[in-house]
Protein backbone atom coordinates (compact mmCIF):
# COMPACT_ATOMS: atom_id res chain seq x y z
CA UNK A 1 -9.08 -36.22 23.58
CA UNK A 2 -11.20 -38.85 21.82
CA UNK A 3 -14.13 -36.45 21.52
CA UNK A 4 -11.82 -33.71 20.19
CA UNK A 5 -10.32 -36.10 17.61
CA UNK A 6 -13.80 -37.06 16.49
CA UNK A 7 -14.75 -33.39 16.23
CA UNK A 8 -11.70 -32.70 14.10
CA UNK A 9 -12.50 -35.65 11.82
CA UNK A 10 -16.05 -34.39 11.35
CA UNK A 11 -14.71 -30.90 10.66
CA UNK A 12 -12.30 -32.26 8.04
CA UNK A 13 -15.03 -34.22 6.23
CA UNK A 14 -17.43 -31.28 6.53
CA UNK A 15 -14.86 -28.94 4.98
CA UNK A 16 -14.01 -31.44 2.22
CA UNK A 17 -17.69 -31.92 1.35
CA UNK A 18 -18.31 -28.18 1.35
CA UNK A 19 -15.27 -27.57 -0.88
CA UNK A 20 -16.49 -30.07 -3.48
CA UNK A 21 -20.05 -28.74 -3.18
CA UNK A 22 -18.85 -25.19 -3.76
CA UNK A 23 -16.83 -26.30 -6.77
CA UNK A 24 -19.98 -27.83 -8.29
CA UNK A 25 -22.08 -24.83 -7.30
CA UNK A 26 -19.87 -22.46 -9.32
CA UNK A 27 -19.34 -24.84 -12.25
CA UNK A 28 -21.35 -22.75 -14.71
CA UNK A 29 -18.95 -19.83 -14.38
CA UNK A 30 -16.37 -21.77 -16.39
CA UNK A 31 -18.60 -24.15 -18.34
CA UNK A 32 -21.03 -21.56 -19.74
CA UNK A 33 -18.19 -19.17 -20.61
CA UNK A 34 -16.46 -22.01 -22.49
CA UNK A 35 -19.60 -23.02 -24.38
CA UNK A 36 -20.28 -19.44 -25.51
CA UNK A 37 -16.62 -18.75 -26.33
CA UNK A 38 -16.46 -21.88 -28.54
CA UNK A 39 -19.77 -21.07 -30.22
CA UNK A 40 -21.37 -24.33 -29.06
CA UNK A 41 -24.30 -22.31 -27.69
CA UNK A 42 -25.16 -18.79 -28.84
CA UNK A 43 -26.41 -17.32 -25.57
CA UNK A 44 -26.63 -13.56 -25.01
CA UNK A 45 -24.86 -11.73 -22.17
CA UNK A 46 -28.13 -11.61 -20.22
CA UNK A 47 -28.78 -15.36 -20.77
CA UNK A 48 -25.24 -16.08 -19.60
CA UNK A 49 -25.95 -14.02 -16.48
CA UNK A 50 -29.05 -16.11 -15.78
CA UNK A 51 -27.19 -19.39 -16.26
CA UNK A 52 -24.48 -18.21 -13.87
CA UNK A 53 -27.09 -17.08 -11.35
CA UNK A 54 -29.63 -19.94 -11.38
CA UNK A 55 -27.48 -22.49 -9.48
CA UNK A 56 -26.76 -19.79 -6.93
CA UNK A 57 -30.50 -19.02 -6.64
CA UNK A 58 -31.51 -22.58 -5.80
CA UNK A 59 -28.59 -22.95 -3.40
CA UNK A 60 -29.73 -19.75 -1.69
CA UNK A 61 -33.50 -20.06 -1.40
CA UNK A 62 -33.36 -23.60 -0.04
CA UNK A 63 -30.74 -22.87 2.62
CA UNK A 64 -33.35 -21.98 5.21
CA UNK A 65 -35.39 -25.22 4.90
CA UNK A 66 -32.17 -27.23 4.73
CA UNK A 67 -30.96 -25.46 7.90
CA UNK A 68 -34.22 -26.41 9.65
CA UNK A 69 -33.85 -30.03 8.50
CA UNK A 70 -30.27 -30.06 9.83
CA UNK A 71 -31.40 -28.87 13.26
CA UNK A 72 -34.15 -31.47 13.25
CA UNK A 73 -32.48 -34.58 11.77
CA UNK A 74 -28.74 -33.96 12.10
CA UNK A 75 -26.00 -33.08 9.63
CA UNK A 76 -24.96 -36.58 8.58
CA UNK A 77 -28.35 -37.57 7.18
CA UNK A 78 -29.01 -34.27 5.44
CA UNK A 79 -25.49 -33.82 3.99
CA UNK A 80 -25.31 -37.39 2.66
CA UNK A 81 -28.71 -37.17 0.96
CA UNK A 82 -27.91 -33.75 -0.48
CA UNK A 83 -24.63 -34.81 -2.09
CA UNK A 84 -26.08 -37.97 -3.63
CA UNK A 85 -29.24 -36.31 -4.98
CA UNK A 86 -27.42 -33.33 -6.50
CA UNK A 87 -25.20 -35.63 -8.55
CA UNK A 88 -28.24 -36.69 -10.65
CA UNK A 89 -28.76 -33.41 -12.60
CA UNK A 90 -25.00 -33.27 -13.24
CA UNK A 91 -25.18 -36.68 -14.91
CA UNK A 92 -28.12 -35.46 -17.03
CA UNK A 93 -26.58 -32.07 -17.96
CA UNK A 94 -24.67 -33.41 -21.04
CA UNK A 95 -28.06 -34.18 -22.63
CA UNK A 96 -29.16 -30.51 -22.48
CA UNK A 97 -29.51 -28.96 -25.93
CA UNK A 98 -31.28 -25.66 -25.23
CA UNK A 99 -31.13 -22.70 -22.86
CA UNK A 100 -34.18 -23.83 -20.87
CA UNK A 101 -32.95 -27.41 -20.42
CA UNK A 102 -29.58 -26.09 -19.27
CA UNK A 103 -31.31 -23.60 -16.98
CA UNK A 104 -33.54 -26.19 -15.26
CA UNK A 105 -30.69 -28.65 -14.67
CA UNK A 106 -28.47 -25.81 -13.43
CA UNK A 107 -31.16 -24.85 -10.93
CA UNK A 108 -31.34 -28.47 -9.71
CA UNK A 109 -27.62 -29.13 -9.28
CA UNK A 110 -27.35 -25.70 -7.65
CA UNK A 111 -29.14 -27.16 -4.62
CA UNK A 112 -25.71 -28.44 -3.59
CA UNK A 113 -25.06 -24.84 -2.53
CA UNK A 114 -27.29 -25.42 0.49
CA UNK A 115 -24.43 -27.52 1.90
CA UNK A 116 -23.24 -24.43 3.73
CA UNK A 117 -26.34 -24.33 5.93
CA UNK A 118 -25.87 -28.02 6.71
CA UNK A 119 -22.19 -27.62 7.49
CA UNK A 120 -22.59 -24.61 9.77
CA UNK A 121 -25.16 -26.39 11.95
CA UNK A 122 -23.27 -29.70 11.87
CA UNK A 123 -19.91 -28.09 12.71
CA UNK A 124 -21.30 -25.96 15.55
CA UNK A 125 -22.68 -28.91 17.54
CA UNK A 126 -19.23 -30.53 17.72
CA UNK A 127 -17.35 -27.56 19.25
CA UNK A 128 -17.64 -25.42 22.42
CA UNK A 129 -18.37 -21.70 22.11
CA UNK A 130 -14.72 -20.60 22.45
CA UNK A 131 -13.76 -22.81 19.48
CA UNK A 132 -16.66 -22.04 17.20
CA UNK A 133 -15.14 -19.00 15.46
CA UNK A 134 -12.07 -21.01 14.42
CA UNK A 135 -14.03 -24.16 13.58
CA UNK A 136 -16.53 -22.29 11.41
CA UNK A 137 -13.66 -20.36 9.84
CA UNK A 138 -11.92 -23.61 8.90
CA UNK A 139 -15.17 -25.04 7.56
CA UNK A 140 -15.74 -21.86 5.57
CA UNK A 141 -12.43 -22.44 3.77
CA UNK A 142 -14.55 -24.67 1.58
CA UNK A 143 -15.33 -21.46 -0.33
CA UNK A 144 -12.01 -22.20 -2.00
CA UNK A 145 -13.96 -24.79 -3.99
CA UNK A 146 -14.64 -21.94 -6.42
CA UNK A 147 -10.89 -21.81 -6.99
CA UNK A 148 -10.84 -25.56 -7.69
CA UNK A 149 -13.27 -25.00 -10.56
CA UNK A 150 -11.66 -21.85 -11.99
CA UNK A 151 -8.18 -23.42 -11.83
CA UNK A 152 -8.80 -26.98 -13.06
CA UNK A 153 -12.00 -26.81 -15.12
CA UNK A 154 -10.62 -24.65 -18.01
CA UNK A 155 -7.69 -27.03 -18.53
CA UNK A 156 -9.97 -30.07 -18.25
CA UNK A 157 -12.31 -28.59 -20.85
CA UNK A 158 -9.43 -27.96 -23.25
CA UNK A 159 -8.16 -31.52 -22.80
CA UNK A 160 -11.61 -33.08 -23.16
CA UNK A 161 -12.32 -31.02 -26.29
CA UNK A 162 -9.12 -31.92 -28.15
CA UNK A 163 -10.58 -35.00 -29.83
CA UNK A 164 -14.20 -33.85 -29.94
CA UNK A 165 -14.62 -30.08 -30.03
CA UNK A 166 -18.42 -30.28 -30.10
CA UNK A 167 -19.13 -32.83 -27.36
CA UNK A 168 -15.94 -33.09 -25.29
CA UNK A 169 -17.29 -30.70 -22.64
CA UNK A 170 -20.01 -33.20 -21.72
CA UNK A 171 -17.59 -35.26 -19.61
CA UNK A 172 -16.94 -32.38 -17.19
CA UNK A 173 -20.33 -32.40 -15.39
CA UNK A 174 -20.14 -36.21 -15.28
CA UNK A 175 -16.76 -36.00 -13.50
CA UNK A 176 -18.24 -33.53 -11.01
CA UNK A 177 -21.22 -35.86 -10.45
CA UNK A 178 -18.94 -38.84 -9.73
CA UNK A 179 -16.96 -36.80 -7.18
CA UNK A 180 -20.19 -35.79 -5.42
CA UNK A 181 -21.23 -39.44 -5.16
CA UNK A 182 -17.84 -40.42 -3.68
CA UNK A 183 -17.96 -37.65 -1.05
CA UNK A 184 -21.55 -38.58 -0.24
CA UNK A 185 -20.50 -42.18 0.41
CA UNK A 186 -17.65 -40.98 2.64
CA UNK A 187 -20.22 -39.11 4.68
CA UNK A 188 -22.45 -42.17 4.94
CA UNK A 189 -19.70 -44.45 6.26
CA UNK A 190 -17.29 -42.18 8.17
CA UNK A 191 -19.38 -39.60 10.03
CA UNK A 192 -21.57 -39.75 13.10
CA UNK A 193 -24.92 -38.03 13.36
CA UNK A 194 -25.39 -35.34 16.01
CA UNK A 195 -27.85 -32.49 16.41
CA UNK A 196 -28.30 -29.56 18.77
CA UNK A 197 -29.81 -30.46 22.14
CA UNK A 198 -33.07 -28.59 21.97
CA UNK A 199 -36.65 -29.41 22.84
CA UNK A 200 -39.04 -30.20 20.02
CA UNK A 201 -40.54 -27.04 18.55
CA UNK A 202 -43.10 -26.19 15.91
CA UNK A 203 -42.14 -24.60 12.60
CA UNK A 204 -43.38 -21.20 13.79
CA UNK A 205 -41.17 -21.47 16.88
CA UNK A 206 -38.18 -22.48 14.75
CA UNK A 207 -38.71 -19.44 12.53
CA UNK A 208 -39.20 -17.05 15.46
CA UNK A 209 -35.58 -15.74 15.39
CA UNK A 210 -36.21 -14.38 11.89
CA UNK A 211 -38.35 -11.62 13.46
CA UNK A 212 -35.14 -10.21 14.94
CA UNK A 213 -33.76 -7.39 12.76
CA UNK A 214 -30.26 -8.50 13.74
CA UNK A 215 -30.67 -11.56 11.49
CA UNK A 216 -31.41 -9.36 8.50
CA UNK A 217 -28.47 -7.08 9.26
CA UNK A 218 -26.15 -10.07 9.36
CA UNK A 219 -27.75 -11.15 6.10
CA UNK A 220 -26.95 -7.79 4.50
CA UNK A 221 -23.29 -8.14 5.50
CA UNK A 222 -23.27 -11.66 4.09
CA UNK A 223 -24.92 -10.49 0.87
CA UNK A 224 -21.76 -8.45 0.31
CA UNK A 225 -18.93 -10.62 1.62
CA UNK A 226 -20.30 -13.97 0.42
CA UNK A 227 -22.88 -13.24 -2.27
CA UNK A 228 -20.67 -10.82 -4.17
CA UNK A 229 -17.72 -13.19 -3.70
CA UNK A 230 -19.71 -15.97 -5.39
CA UNK A 231 -20.85 -13.59 -8.14
CA UNK A 232 -17.32 -12.49 -8.93
CA UNK A 233 -15.96 -16.04 -8.73
CA UNK A 234 -17.96 -16.57 -11.92
CA UNK A 235 -17.99 -13.08 -13.42
CA UNK A 236 -14.23 -12.48 -13.34
CA UNK A 237 -13.49 -15.11 -16.00
CA UNK A 238 -15.53 -13.46 -18.80
CA UNK A 239 -14.38 -10.09 -17.43
CA UNK A 240 -10.69 -10.87 -17.93
CA UNK A 241 -11.31 -12.52 -21.31
CA UNK A 242 -13.22 -9.51 -22.66
CA UNK A 243 -11.34 -6.60 -21.11
CA UNK A 244 -7.77 -7.94 -21.12
CA UNK A 245 -8.14 -10.56 -23.88
CA UNK A 246 -6.79 -13.43 -21.79
CA UNK A 247 -7.23 -17.06 -22.76
CA UNK A 248 -9.78 -19.24 -20.96
CA UNK A 249 -7.02 -20.93 -18.95
CA UNK A 250 -5.24 -17.67 -18.03
CA UNK A 251 -8.55 -16.03 -17.09
CA UNK A 252 -9.31 -19.07 -14.93
CA UNK A 253 -5.97 -18.70 -13.16
CA UNK A 254 -6.69 -15.03 -12.45
CA UNK A 255 -10.17 -15.89 -11.14
CA UNK A 256 -8.51 -18.54 -8.93
CA UNK A 257 -6.19 -15.90 -7.54
CA UNK A 258 -9.32 -14.10 -6.36
CA UNK A 259 -11.30 -17.05 -4.97
CA UNK A 260 -8.54 -19.22 -3.45
CA UNK A 261 -7.04 -16.71 -0.97
CA UNK A 262 -10.55 -15.53 -0.09
CA UNK A 263 -11.55 -19.08 0.82
CA UNK A 264 -8.38 -20.04 2.67
CA UNK A 265 -8.14 -16.86 4.74
CA UNK A 266 -11.59 -17.45 6.15
CA UNK A 267 -10.01 -19.61 8.88
CA UNK A 268 -7.75 -16.70 9.81
CA UNK A 269 -10.84 -14.50 9.83
CA UNK A 270 -12.35 -16.84 12.42
CA UNK A 271 -9.23 -16.52 14.57
CA UNK A 272 -9.28 -12.71 14.29
CA UNK A 273 -12.98 -12.65 15.19
CA UNK A 274 -12.34 -14.79 18.28
CA UNK A 275 -9.45 -12.54 19.36
CA UNK A 276 -10.62 -9.00 18.51
CA UNK A 277 -14.38 -9.41 18.16
CA UNK A 278 -16.46 -9.79 15.04
CA UNK A 279 -17.71 -6.20 15.10
CA UNK A 280 -14.19 -4.73 15.02
CA UNK A 281 -13.24 -7.00 12.14
CA UNK A 282 -16.37 -6.01 10.21
CA UNK A 283 -15.40 -2.33 10.48
CA UNK A 284 -12.09 -3.11 8.76
CA UNK A 285 -13.74 -5.38 6.19
CA UNK A 286 -16.42 -2.89 5.15
CA UNK A 287 -13.99 0.02 5.14
CA UNK A 288 -11.53 -1.82 2.89
CA UNK A 289 -14.37 -2.97 0.62
CA UNK A 290 -15.42 0.67 0.12
CA UNK A 291 -11.88 1.84 -0.63
CA UNK A 292 -10.94 -0.98 -3.02
CA UNK A 293 -14.24 -1.08 -4.92
CA UNK A 294 -13.93 2.68 -5.48
CA UNK A 295 -10.52 2.17 -7.09
CA UNK A 296 -11.90 -0.65 -9.25
CA UNK A 297 -14.70 1.53 -10.64
CA UNK A 298 -12.39 3.29 -13.12
CA UNK A 299 -12.43 1.44 -16.46
CA UNK A 300 -10.09 1.36 -19.41
CA UNK A 301 -10.89 4.65 -21.08
CA UNK A 302 -9.78 7.27 -23.55
CA UNK A 303 -11.08 10.79 -22.87
CA UNK A 304 -10.93 13.72 -25.29
CA UNK A 305 -11.47 17.21 -23.90
CA UNK A 306 -10.77 20.82 -24.88
CA UNK A 307 -7.20 21.89 -24.22
CA UNK A 308 -5.28 25.18 -24.58
CA UNK A 309 -5.90 26.71 -28.04
CA UNK A 310 -4.35 29.55 -30.03
CA UNK A 311 -6.16 32.93 -30.17
CA UNK A 312 -5.41 35.85 -32.47
CA UNK A 313 -3.99 38.85 -30.59
CA UNK A 314 -4.90 41.32 -33.34
CA UNK A 315 -7.20 41.71 -36.34
CA UNK A 316 -5.65 40.67 -39.62
CA UNK A 317 -5.42 38.38 -42.65
CA UNK A 318 -4.17 34.82 -42.43
CA UNK A 319 -1.18 34.81 -44.78
CA UNK A 320 0.31 31.40 -44.03
CA UNK A 321 -0.95 28.10 -42.66
CA UNK A 322 1.28 25.06 -42.03
CA UNK A 323 1.26 22.05 -39.70
CA UNK A 324 3.30 23.87 -37.05
CA UNK A 325 2.45 27.56 -37.45
CA UNK A 326 -0.10 30.18 -38.49
CA UNK A 327 0.84 33.65 -39.73
CA UNK A 328 -1.61 36.54 -39.34
CA UNK A 329 -0.27 39.70 -40.90
CA UNK A 330 3.30 39.92 -39.66
CA UNK A 331 2.74 37.88 -36.47
CA UNK A 332 3.50 34.16 -36.39
CA UNK A 333 1.68 31.79 -34.01
CA UNK A 334 3.21 28.43 -33.12
CA UNK A 335 0.90 25.42 -33.33
CA UNK A 336 1.51 22.19 -31.43
CA UNK A 337 0.84 19.42 -33.98
CA UNK A 338 -0.65 16.03 -33.10
CA UNK A 339 1.87 13.32 -32.25
CA UNK A 340 1.51 9.65 -31.37
CA UNK A 341 0.72 9.09 -27.71
CA UNK A 342 3.42 7.09 -25.95
CA UNK A 343 1.38 4.63 -23.93
CA UNK A 344 1.23 0.89 -23.34
CA UNK A 345 -0.87 -1.59 -21.42
CA UNK A 346 1.85 -1.56 -18.74
CA UNK A 347 1.13 2.06 -17.80
CA UNK A 348 -0.14 2.42 -14.24
CA UNK A 349 -1.19 6.07 -14.29
CA UNK A 350 -3.21 7.89 -16.98
CA UNK A 351 -1.15 9.21 -19.92
CA UNK A 352 -1.91 12.70 -21.28
CA UNK A 353 -1.25 14.08 -24.75
CA UNK A 354 -2.21 17.57 -26.01
CA UNK A 355 -2.17 19.13 -29.47
CA UNK A 356 -3.82 21.86 -31.50
CA UNK A 357 -5.88 21.60 -34.69
CA UNK A 358 -6.01 24.59 -37.04
CA UNK A 359 -9.52 25.94 -37.67
CA UNK A 360 -8.74 28.86 -40.04
CA UNK A 361 -7.73 28.94 -43.70
CA UNK A 362 -5.22 30.98 -45.65
CA UNK A 363 -6.48 34.42 -46.77
CA UNK A 364 -9.20 34.36 -44.09
CA UNK A 365 -9.90 37.57 -42.19
CA UNK A 366 -9.75 37.09 -38.42
CA UNK A 367 -10.54 39.33 -35.51
CA UNK A 368 -8.79 39.84 -32.22
CA UNK A 369 -9.42 36.94 -29.80
CA UNK A 370 -10.72 34.74 -32.62
CA UNK A 371 -9.76 31.06 -32.36
CA UNK A 372 -7.00 30.09 -34.78
CA UNK A 373 -6.27 26.56 -33.54
CA UNK A 374 -8.43 24.47 -31.25
CA UNK A 375 -6.69 22.79 -28.32
CA UNK A 376 -7.39 19.10 -27.77
CA UNK A 377 -6.27 16.98 -24.80
CA UNK A 378 -6.41 13.20 -24.85
CA UNK A 379 -6.17 11.25 -21.59
CA UNK A 380 -5.71 7.50 -21.86
CA UNK A 381 -6.08 5.16 -18.89
CA UNK A 382 -5.21 1.52 -19.56
CA UNK A 383 -6.44 0.15 -16.20
CA UNK A 384 -3.26 -1.90 -15.82
CA UNK A 385 -4.23 -5.56 -15.65
CA UNK A 386 -1.79 -6.42 -12.86
CA UNK A 387 -2.94 -3.54 -10.67
CA UNK A 388 -6.53 -4.58 -11.32
CA UNK A 389 -5.68 -8.17 -10.38
CA UNK A 390 -3.96 -7.12 -7.14
CA UNK A 391 -6.97 -5.00 -6.11
CA UNK A 392 -9.36 -7.87 -6.93
CA UNK A 393 -7.28 -10.28 -4.82
CA UNK A 394 -7.22 -7.80 -1.93
CA UNK A 395 -10.98 -7.27 -1.92
CA UNK A 396 -11.43 -11.06 -2.07
CA UNK A 397 -9.20 -11.48 0.99
CA UNK A 398 -11.15 -8.78 2.81
CA UNK A 399 -14.44 -10.52 2.02
CA UNK A 400 -12.98 -13.88 3.11
CA UNK A 401 -12.20 -12.46 6.56
CA UNK A 402 -15.65 -10.85 6.63
CA UNK A 403 -17.41 -14.17 5.95
CA UNK A 404 -15.94 -15.63 9.11
CA UNK A 405 -16.74 -12.50 11.12
CA UNK A 406 -20.41 -12.59 10.11
CA UNK A 407 -20.84 -16.21 11.14
CA UNK A 408 -18.98 -15.66 14.40
CA UNK A 409 -22.02 -13.61 15.48
CA UNK A 410 -24.59 -16.36 14.92
CA UNK A 411 -23.70 -18.95 17.65
CA UNK A 412 -23.22 -16.06 20.12
CA UNK A 413 -26.63 -14.46 19.58
CA UNK A 414 -28.60 -17.56 18.52
CA UNK A 415 -26.93 -20.61 20.15
CA UNK A 416 -29.97 -22.87 19.77
CA UNK A 417 -31.02 -21.74 16.29
CA UNK A 418 -27.71 -21.86 14.42
CA UNK A 419 -29.15 -23.93 11.59
CA UNK A 420 -32.20 -21.68 11.07
CA UNK A 421 -30.39 -18.36 11.44
CA UNK A 422 -27.34 -19.59 9.56
CA UNK A 423 -29.66 -20.84 6.83
CA UNK A 424 -31.42 -17.47 6.58
CA UNK A 425 -28.19 -15.48 6.56
CA UNK A 426 -26.79 -17.92 4.02
CA UNK A 427 -29.96 -17.55 1.95
CA UNK A 428 -29.57 -13.79 1.79
CA UNK A 429 -25.88 -14.17 0.96
CA UNK A 430 -26.68 -16.73 -1.69
CA UNK A 431 -29.19 -14.34 -3.25
CA UNK A 432 -26.29 -11.97 -3.72
CA UNK A 433 -24.52 -14.66 -5.71
CA UNK A 434 -27.67 -15.14 -7.80
CA UNK A 435 -28.51 -11.48 -8.33
CA UNK A 436 -24.89 -10.49 -8.97
CA UNK A 437 -24.19 -12.05 -12.40
CA UNK A 438 -27.66 -11.15 -13.70
CA UNK A 439 -27.41 -7.55 -12.46
CA UNK A 440 -23.85 -7.28 -13.77
CA UNK A 441 -25.10 -8.40 -17.19
CA UNK A 442 -27.83 -5.75 -17.24
CA UNK A 443 -25.39 -3.08 -16.02
CA UNK A 444 -22.93 -4.06 -18.75
CA UNK A 445 -25.66 -3.88 -21.40
CA UNK A 446 -26.92 -0.49 -20.23
CA UNK A 447 -23.59 1.25 -19.56
CA UNK A 448 -21.19 -0.62 -21.84
CA UNK A 449 -18.72 -0.71 -18.91
CA UNK A 450 -17.38 -3.92 -17.40
CA UNK A 451 -16.47 -1.96 -14.26
CA UNK A 452 -20.09 -0.88 -13.68
CA UNK A 453 -20.46 -3.88 -11.36
CA UNK A 454 -17.98 -2.29 -8.95
CA UNK A 455 -20.26 0.73 -8.57
CA UNK A 456 -22.89 -1.66 -7.19
CA UNK A 457 -20.30 -3.16 -4.80
CA UNK A 458 -19.28 0.31 -3.62
CA UNK A 459 -22.88 1.30 -2.83
CA UNK A 460 -23.62 -1.97 -0.98
CA UNK A 461 -20.42 -1.59 1.07
CA UNK A 462 -21.30 1.96 2.08
CA UNK A 463 -24.85 0.91 3.01
CA UNK A 464 -23.65 -1.97 5.22
CA UNK A 465 -21.10 0.20 7.01
CA UNK A 466 -23.64 2.94 7.71
CA UNK A 467 -26.20 0.41 9.00
CA UNK A 468 -23.67 -1.25 11.29
CA UNK A 469 -22.32 2.03 12.64
CA UNK A 470 -25.79 3.44 13.26
CA UNK A 471 -26.76 0.27 15.14
CA UNK A 472 -23.67 0.50 17.35
CA UNK A 473 -24.31 4.18 18.10
CA UNK A 474 -27.91 3.40 19.06
CA UNK A 475 -26.77 0.58 21.37
CA UNK A 476 -24.22 2.87 23.02
CA UNK A 477 -26.85 5.57 23.57
CA UNK A 478 -29.16 3.00 25.13
CA UNK A 479 -26.56 1.31 27.35
CA UNK A 480 -24.38 4.31 28.20
CA UNK A 481 -26.45 7.49 27.70
CA UNK A 482 -24.28 9.73 29.93
CA UNK A 483 -21.06 8.63 28.23
CA UNK A 484 -22.37 9.30 24.71
CA UNK A 485 -23.78 12.67 25.72
CA UNK A 486 -20.33 13.62 27.03
CA UNK A 487 -18.71 12.61 23.75
CA UNK A 488 -21.23 14.63 21.73
CA UNK A 489 -20.67 17.76 23.89
CA UNK A 490 -16.90 17.55 23.39
CA UNK A 491 -16.99 17.09 19.61
């Protein structure tokens, strides 16, 4: 019981540290949006994408070496040092006065994102195999740290900027730095160091599991369910402000509604993975990601197309033209005039409106089948904000369950290399968080559509599902060749 209580205490502190680390890691999503919105810095959409992505990049590319250090020296030493060191660039950030200064400091404090690799290795050594799915799921709830930032940071920025609109924001990174120091000290004094019981190995031996294609497949899944989650934790705030004209605080609340459930449900995802198997859960996760991202692709739009027109049934002279009718000889043709379209932002389905515009003039000679009035159809789709929000929350929940399912695989297939493999998978996932905002910025610039990012999500989801399914089919053919042949004959 004593050992279990100690394990639970370590898990609690691990989860707390990861939550705060994740909140710091995604700080720029709110801070940069605020600085651009207030005109304090005049950064372009692409520059904003880079500032959102740089902390994620450093937190991603250093996950592998941090995972190796965790396996070698233990989670307490690595986590404590990481938290204390990453507070330094946060304390310096208020002094930044240019894009490049902000970018370099963002890259440095983004190293706190490597805390995931530390926590996975440190949590795993405290729990038996049958508990690891749930324990890692609980630890992974620290992803909800993104919700802490999107929920509290906008309000804090507004409060801090009331008396000093130009410099008030500078206290926010300082507050985050102080919190990191406090959590780091908690780790120093209230945790016990422990590392996996393995024989000493060279760096090449430690990296040997990375030759296994399974690691890269897990990484691809994690690129979607974690990397894209991180990307949208930051991208949704400017998305809501631009598309639906929300305030900074309201946009932050909506972004929280995406990131908070996704983080919290990760523990439930661990339970489901323990009970039904990670592979089964991943089928559901990838399938739902495909379906929901497809629905999210459709933007606010107004489409004009050719509708039913009015054609002359006989040759003749146009003797009368009015808003509602055309007279050719003795025959009168009714024209449907343009009227105001009855639509509002609350509409869920597209609204259609058709009318006809006269293209002939009085005293004009017309021939049979000649166009008298051109038909025009206008279809308006408002992409209802509440429907959009519900779909975003649902895909976030799906990804939250998927994050736990991916990491359920690692201790099962690589029990003695959890730190290295977890670090590599986390690195690939983190790269998704880095690439996402930058790619979304370029997609927005090239297409002019905020929903273009969901096309990318749809394609990644389809690719992951096809890769996983093909792998399973190949395994079945190898392990049970007669059974699979029988299935194929009966199809």
